[in-house]
Amino acid sequence: MKTIFWAGDSTVKQNTILSYPQTGIGQGFERYVKRGEVVICNCAENGRSTKQFLDEGRLIPICENIRPGDFLLIQFGHNDEKDNDPERFAAADTTYSKNLETFVNAARDKGAVPVIITPLTRRCFLGNTSVYRHEAWAAAARRTASRLNVALVDLTSMSEALVAEWGERSTQLYMHVPAGVYPAFPNGMVDNTHLTPHGAVVFAGLIAKSLYEMGGVYAELICDEYEEWQQIVQANTTPHVIHSDTPVEMDEDSAVGYQSKR
């Protein structure tokens, strides 16, 4: 049995019923792995950057439990970029890159396989042009992966392309929820950072696609039904459209509803 350990922030986190329907990518990814052969240990936490995650000692239990042949997926950036918060800010080309290397070395020291994942795009629009905020950290992650010879999943680029392609339809992927439906969000929410169950599965699918295309030990994580699923996706390329209010930009700290940084 292989274990995928996942270090990250709220875009990855294993949510409880208290924040439903908010769903992390790590939860969506469970549908893509081989049942009975791969398990996911989701260690992601709301609001964490690489710096705060390490400062709080959250890597320690991962190191205590990860074994040879396991995987460590490393996905940060949303909070590293917050230069007004000294507890979390990690400059892209210095602290952030160094912290990523700390995660990579921790995995390799235990005989595990590290994978760096660039941050998920926020769904931010200015007129009809998509505006993305993670490029400095995504670029630093790419350079770090190249320098350390680590597998890279460029989720930033893939998610940007998908959101740009879907346009207004991409509201169904993010937490655009109506009032009076979900107890955790009685007043509704327009949140362009966090994901619905559908969004978690769609974006997790981009990660699964990258790992599958890498081949070898990475592809071995992905379920046997994956090729059949890809055929279904290709046969039904137009996403289902749902109606929503005009979105506004909102980050994970200012979003209305149940959120916790601790």
Protein backbone atom coordinates (compact mmCIF):
# COMPACT_ATOMS: atom_id res chain seq x y z
CA MET A 1 0.00 0.00 0.00
CA LYS A 2 1.40 3.38 -1.05
CA THR A 3 0.53 6.58 0.78
CA ILE A 4 0.32 10.00 -0.82
CA PHE A 5 1.09 12.66 1.78
CA TRP A 6 -0.14 16.09 0.75
CA ALA A 7 1.24 19.32 2.23
CA GLY A 8 -0.64 22.44 1.24
CA ASP A 9 -3.22 25.09 1.99
CA SER A 10 -7.01 25.42 1.95
CA THR A 11 -7.25 24.70 -1.77
CA VAL A 12 -6.04 21.19 -0.94
CA LYS A 13 -7.43 20.61 2.57
CA GLN A 14 -9.65 17.72 3.65
CA ASN A 15 -12.80 19.60 4.67
CA THR A 16 -15.36 18.42 7.20
CA ILE A 17 -19.12 18.84 7.08
CA LEU A 18 -18.70 22.19 8.85
CA SER A 19 -17.55 23.86 5.64
CA TYR A 20 -19.64 21.91 3.11
CA PRO A 21 -19.77 22.30 0.11
CA GLN A 22 -16.20 23.63 0.18
CA THR A 23 -13.93 20.81 -0.99
CA GLY A 24 -10.17 20.54 -1.33
CA ILE A 25 -8.31 19.17 -4.31
CA GLY A 26 -6.94 16.41 -2.12
CA GLN A 27 -10.50 15.19 -1.58
CA GLY A 28 -11.24 15.27 -5.30
CA PHE A 29 -8.03 13.42 -6.07
CA GLU A 30 -9.23 10.37 -4.14
CA ARG A 31 -11.42 9.47 -7.12
CA TYR A 32 -8.38 9.14 -9.38
CA VAL A 33 -6.15 6.80 -7.39
CA LYS A 34 -6.12 3.01 -7.28
CA ARG A 35 -8.43 1.77 -4.56
CA GLY A 36 -6.86 -0.73 -2.21
CA GLU A 37 -3.38 0.20 -3.42
CA VAL A 38 -3.08 3.94 -2.73
CA VAL A 39 -4.27 5.99 0.23
CA ILE A 40 -4.12 9.75 0.74
CA CYS A 41 -2.96 11.39 3.96
CA ASN A 42 -4.07 14.99 3.49
CA CYS A 43 -2.02 17.22 5.81
CA ALA A 44 -3.01 20.51 4.18
CA GLU A 45 -4.41 23.27 6.39
CA ASN A 46 -6.30 26.50 5.81
CA GLY A 47 -4.27 29.64 5.34
CA ARG A 48 -0.84 28.03 5.40
CA SER A 49 2.18 29.09 3.44
CA THR A 50 5.38 27.07 3.17
CA LYS A 51 6.82 29.25 5.92
CA GLN A 52 3.97 28.90 8.41
CA PHE A 53 3.53 25.19 7.68
CA LEU A 54 7.19 24.59 8.55
CA ASP A 55 7.24 27.03 11.48
CA GLU A 56 4.30 25.20 13.06
CA GLY A 57 6.07 21.85 12.77
CA ARG A 58 3.50 20.38 10.39
CA LEU A 59 6.17 18.62 8.35
CA ILE A 60 7.34 16.65 11.41
CA PRO A 61 4.47 14.11 11.53
CA ILE A 62 4.80 13.61 7.80
CA CYS A 63 8.48 12.75 8.23
CA GLU A 64 7.60 10.41 11.09
CA ASN A 65 5.13 8.44 9.00
CA ILE A 66 6.28 8.59 5.39
CA ARG A 67 7.98 5.45 4.11
CA PRO A 68 10.12 4.43 1.12
CA GLY A 69 7.99 4.40 -2.01
CA ASP A 70 5.41 6.84 -0.63
CA PHE A 71 4.80 10.24 -2.22
CA LEU A 72 4.83 13.79 -0.90
CA LEU A 73 2.82 16.26 -2.96
CA ILE A 74 3.83 19.84 -2.16
CA GLN A 75 1.34 22.53 -3.13
CA PHE A 76 1.66 26.09 -1.80
CA GLY A 77 1.68 29.67 -3.06
CA HIS A 78 -1.65 31.28 -2.20
CA ASN A 79 -0.45 32.46 1.19
CA ASP A 80 3.28 32.71 0.51
CA GLU A 81 2.45 35.71 -1.69
CA LYS A 82 0.81 37.74 1.14
CA ASP A 83 3.55 40.29 1.76
CA ASN A 84 1.46 42.09 4.39
CA ASP A 85 1.59 39.06 6.70
CA PRO A 86 5.06 38.34 8.10
CA GLU A 87 3.96 35.02 9.60
CA ARG A 88 3.17 33.68 6.14
CA PHE A 89 4.97 35.69 3.49
CA ALA A 90 7.72 33.84 1.66
CA ALA A 91 9.45 35.70 -1.16
CA ALA A 92 9.21 33.67 -4.33
CA ASP A 93 12.86 33.34 -5.33
CA THR A 94 14.33 33.10 -1.85
CA THR A 95 12.34 31.83 1.13
CA TYR A 96 9.63 30.07 -0.88
CA SER A 97 12.16 28.25 -3.07
CA LYS A 98 14.26 27.31 -0.04
CA ASN A 99 11.17 26.02 1.78
CA LEU A 100 10.17 23.88 -1.18
CA GLU A 101 13.64 22.38 -1.10
CA THR A 102 13.12 21.56 2.59
CA PHE A 103 9.99 19.57 1.72
CA VAL A 104 11.76 17.80 -1.15
CA ASN A 105 14.73 16.82 0.98
CA ALA A 106 12.45 15.59 3.77
CA ALA A 107 10.77 13.20 1.34
CA ARG A 108 13.98 12.02 -0.26
CA ASP A 109 15.65 11.44 3.10
CA LYS A 110 12.91 8.88 3.80
CA GLY A 111 13.12 7.24 0.40
CA ALA A 112 9.83 8.83 -0.70
CA VAL A 113 9.03 10.57 -3.97
CA PRO A 114 8.44 14.35 -3.88
CA VAL A 115 6.25 16.17 -6.40
CA ILE A 116 6.01 19.97 -6.57
CA ILE A 117 2.64 21.36 -7.67
CA THR A 118 2.32 25.01 -8.67
CA PRO A 119 -0.61 26.87 -7.05
CA LEU A 120 -4.18 26.67 -8.29
CA THR A 121 -5.32 29.82 -10.04
CA ARG A 122 -7.85 32.09 -8.41
CA ARG A 123 -10.90 32.84 -10.52
CA CYS A 124 -10.29 36.57 -10.94
CA PHE A 125 -11.60 38.56 -13.86
CA LEU A 126 -11.20 42.15 -15.05
CA GLY A 127 -13.68 42.72 -17.83
CA ASN A 128 -13.28 39.81 -20.21
CA THR A 129 -9.61 39.27 -19.42
CA SER A 130 -8.47 36.73 -16.86
CA VAL A 131 -6.05 38.11 -14.29
CA TYR A 132 -3.81 35.73 -12.36
CA ARG A 133 -1.70 36.53 -9.31
CA HIS A 134 0.53 33.52 -8.72
CA GLU A 135 3.05 33.74 -11.54
CA ALA A 136 6.11 34.71 -9.46
CA TRP A 137 5.55 31.76 -7.12
CA ALA A 138 4.62 29.38 -9.92
CA ALA A 139 7.78 30.37 -11.79
CA ALA A 140 9.86 29.88 -8.65
CA ALA A 141 8.33 26.44 -8.15
CA ARG A 142 9.17 25.50 -11.73
CA ARG A 143 12.78 26.64 -11.33
CA THR A 144 13.11 24.84 -8.00
CA ALA A 145 11.76 21.59 -9.45
CA SER A 146 14.16 21.86 -12.37
CA ARG A 147 17.13 22.62 -10.13
CA LEU A 148 16.36 19.71 -7.80
CA ASN A 149 15.32 17.33 -10.59
CA VAL A 150 11.88 16.89 -9.01
CA ALA A 151 8.66 16.01 -10.81
CA LEU A 152 6.54 19.10 -11.42
CA VAL A 153 2.80 19.41 -11.95
CA ASP A 154 2.15 22.86 -13.41
CA LEU A 155 -1.34 23.31 -12.01
CA THR A 156 -1.09 27.09 -12.34
CA SER A 157 -0.78 26.96 -16.12
CA MET A 158 -3.36 24.21 -16.53
CA SER A 159 -5.94 25.82 -14.25
CA GLU A 160 -5.43 29.25 -15.84
CA ALA A 161 -6.08 27.76 -19.27
CA LEU A 162 -9.16 25.90 -18.07
CA VAL A 163 -10.68 28.93 -16.33
CA ALA A 164 -9.98 31.12 -19.34
CA GLU A 165 -11.61 28.55 -21.62
CA TRP A 166 -14.69 28.16 -19.44
CA GLY A 167 -15.13 31.87 -18.68
CA GLU A 168 -18.36 32.50 -16.79
CA ARG A 169 -19.04 28.78 -16.71
CA SER A 170 -16.12 28.34 -14.33
CA THR A 171 -18.25 29.73 -11.48
CA GLN A 172 -19.47 26.17 -10.99
CA LEU A 173 -15.93 25.15 -10.00
CA TYR A 174 -15.50 27.75 -7.27
CA MET A 175 -17.52 28.60 -4.18
CA HIS A 176 -20.28 30.62 -5.79
CA VAL A 177 -23.14 29.39 -3.62
CA PRO A 178 -26.65 30.82 -3.20
CA ALA A 179 -28.12 32.00 0.08
CA GLY A 180 -30.36 29.68 2.05
CA VAL A 181 -29.01 26.40 0.70
CA TYR A 182 -25.97 25.42 2.76
CA PRO A 183 -26.05 25.77 6.57
CA ALA A 184 -22.38 26.77 6.72
CA PHE A 185 -23.04 29.65 4.34
CA PRO A 186 -26.57 30.90 5.15
CA ASN A 187 -25.98 34.20 3.34
CA GLY A 188 -24.39 32.56 0.32
CA MET A 189 -20.89 33.26 -0.95
CA VAL A 190 -18.97 34.48 -3.96
CA ASP A 191 -15.46 33.12 -3.46
CA ASN A 192 -12.99 32.82 -6.33
CA THR A 193 -10.35 30.86 -4.39
CA HIS A 194 -12.02 27.82 -2.84
CA LEU A 195 -13.69 24.96 -4.63
CA THR A 196 -16.99 23.16 -4.86
CA PRO A 197 -16.98 19.35 -4.99
CA HIS A 198 -17.16 19.60 -8.77
CA GLY A 199 -14.25 22.03 -8.89
CA ALA A 200 -12.14 19.81 -6.66
CA VAL A 201 -12.68 16.84 -8.97
CA VAL A 202 -12.01 18.87 -12.14
CA PHE A 203 -8.77 20.42 -10.89
CA ALA A 204 -7.63 17.18 -9.26
CA GLY A 205 -8.13 15.67 -12.69
CA LEU A 206 -5.50 18.02 -14.10
CA ILE A 207 -3.04 16.72 -11.51
CA ALA A 208 -4.00 13.13 -12.28
CA LYS A 209 -3.50 13.78 -15.99
CA SER A 210 0.00 15.13 -15.41
CA LEU A 211 1.02 12.22 -13.22
CA TYR A 212 -0.45 9.71 -15.65
CA GLU A 213 1.44 11.27 -18.56
CA MET A 214 4.71 11.17 -16.59
CA GLY A 215 4.50 7.39 -16.64
CA GLY A 216 6.43 5.09 -14.34
CA VAL A 217 5.79 5.28 -10.61
CA TYR A 218 3.66 8.38 -11.06
CA ALA A 219 1.23 6.75 -13.47
CA GLU A 220 1.02 3.72 -11.19
CA LEU A 221 -0.89 5.85 -8.68
CA ILE A 222 -3.76 6.46 -11.08
CA CYS A 223 -6.78 4.16 -11.23
CA ASP A 224 -7.34 1.63 -14.00
CA GLU A 225 -10.52 3.45 -15.04
CA TYR A 226 -8.63 6.62 -15.91
CA GLU A 227 -8.33 6.00 -19.67
CA GLU A 228 -12.04 5.22 -19.88
CA TRP A 229 -12.76 8.42 -17.98
CA GLN A 230 -10.61 10.44 -20.40
CA GLN A 231 -12.61 9.06 -23.30
CA ILE A 232 -15.81 10.18 -21.60
CA VAL A 233 -14.36 13.65 -21.02
CA GLN A 234 -13.24 13.98 -24.62
CA ALA A 235 -16.67 12.93 -25.84
CA ASN A 236 -18.35 15.54 -23.66
CA THR A 237 -16.05 18.54 -23.88
CA THR A 238 -18.63 21.27 -23.23
CA PRO A 239 -19.02 21.89 -19.49
CA HIS A 240 -22.51 22.04 -18.04
CA VAL A 241 -23.53 25.67 -17.59
CA ILE A 242 -25.11 26.89 -14.40
CA HIS A 243 -26.29 30.42 -13.74
CA SER A 244 -24.61 32.57 -11.12
CA ASP A 245 -24.25 36.16 -10.06
CA THR A 246 -21.40 38.23 -11.44
CA PRO A 247 -18.31 37.13 -9.51
CA VAL A 248 -16.13 39.41 -7.45
CA GLU A 249 -12.59 38.75 -6.36
CA MET A 250 -12.26 37.45 -2.82
CA ASP A 251 -9.28 35.79 -1.19
CA GLU A 252 -9.37 33.04 1.38
CA ASP A 253 -9.11 35.40 4.37
CA SER A 254 -11.93 37.78 3.41
CA ALA A 255 -14.40 35.17 2.13
CA VAL A 256 -17.74 35.26 3.95
CA GLY A 257 -18.69 32.05 5.71
CA TYR A 258 -16.95 29.38 7.71
CA GLN A 259 -13.18 29.80 7.42
CA SER A 260 -10.40 29.18 9.89
CA LYS A 261 -6.71 29.99 9.75
CA ARG A 262 -6.01 27.74 12.70
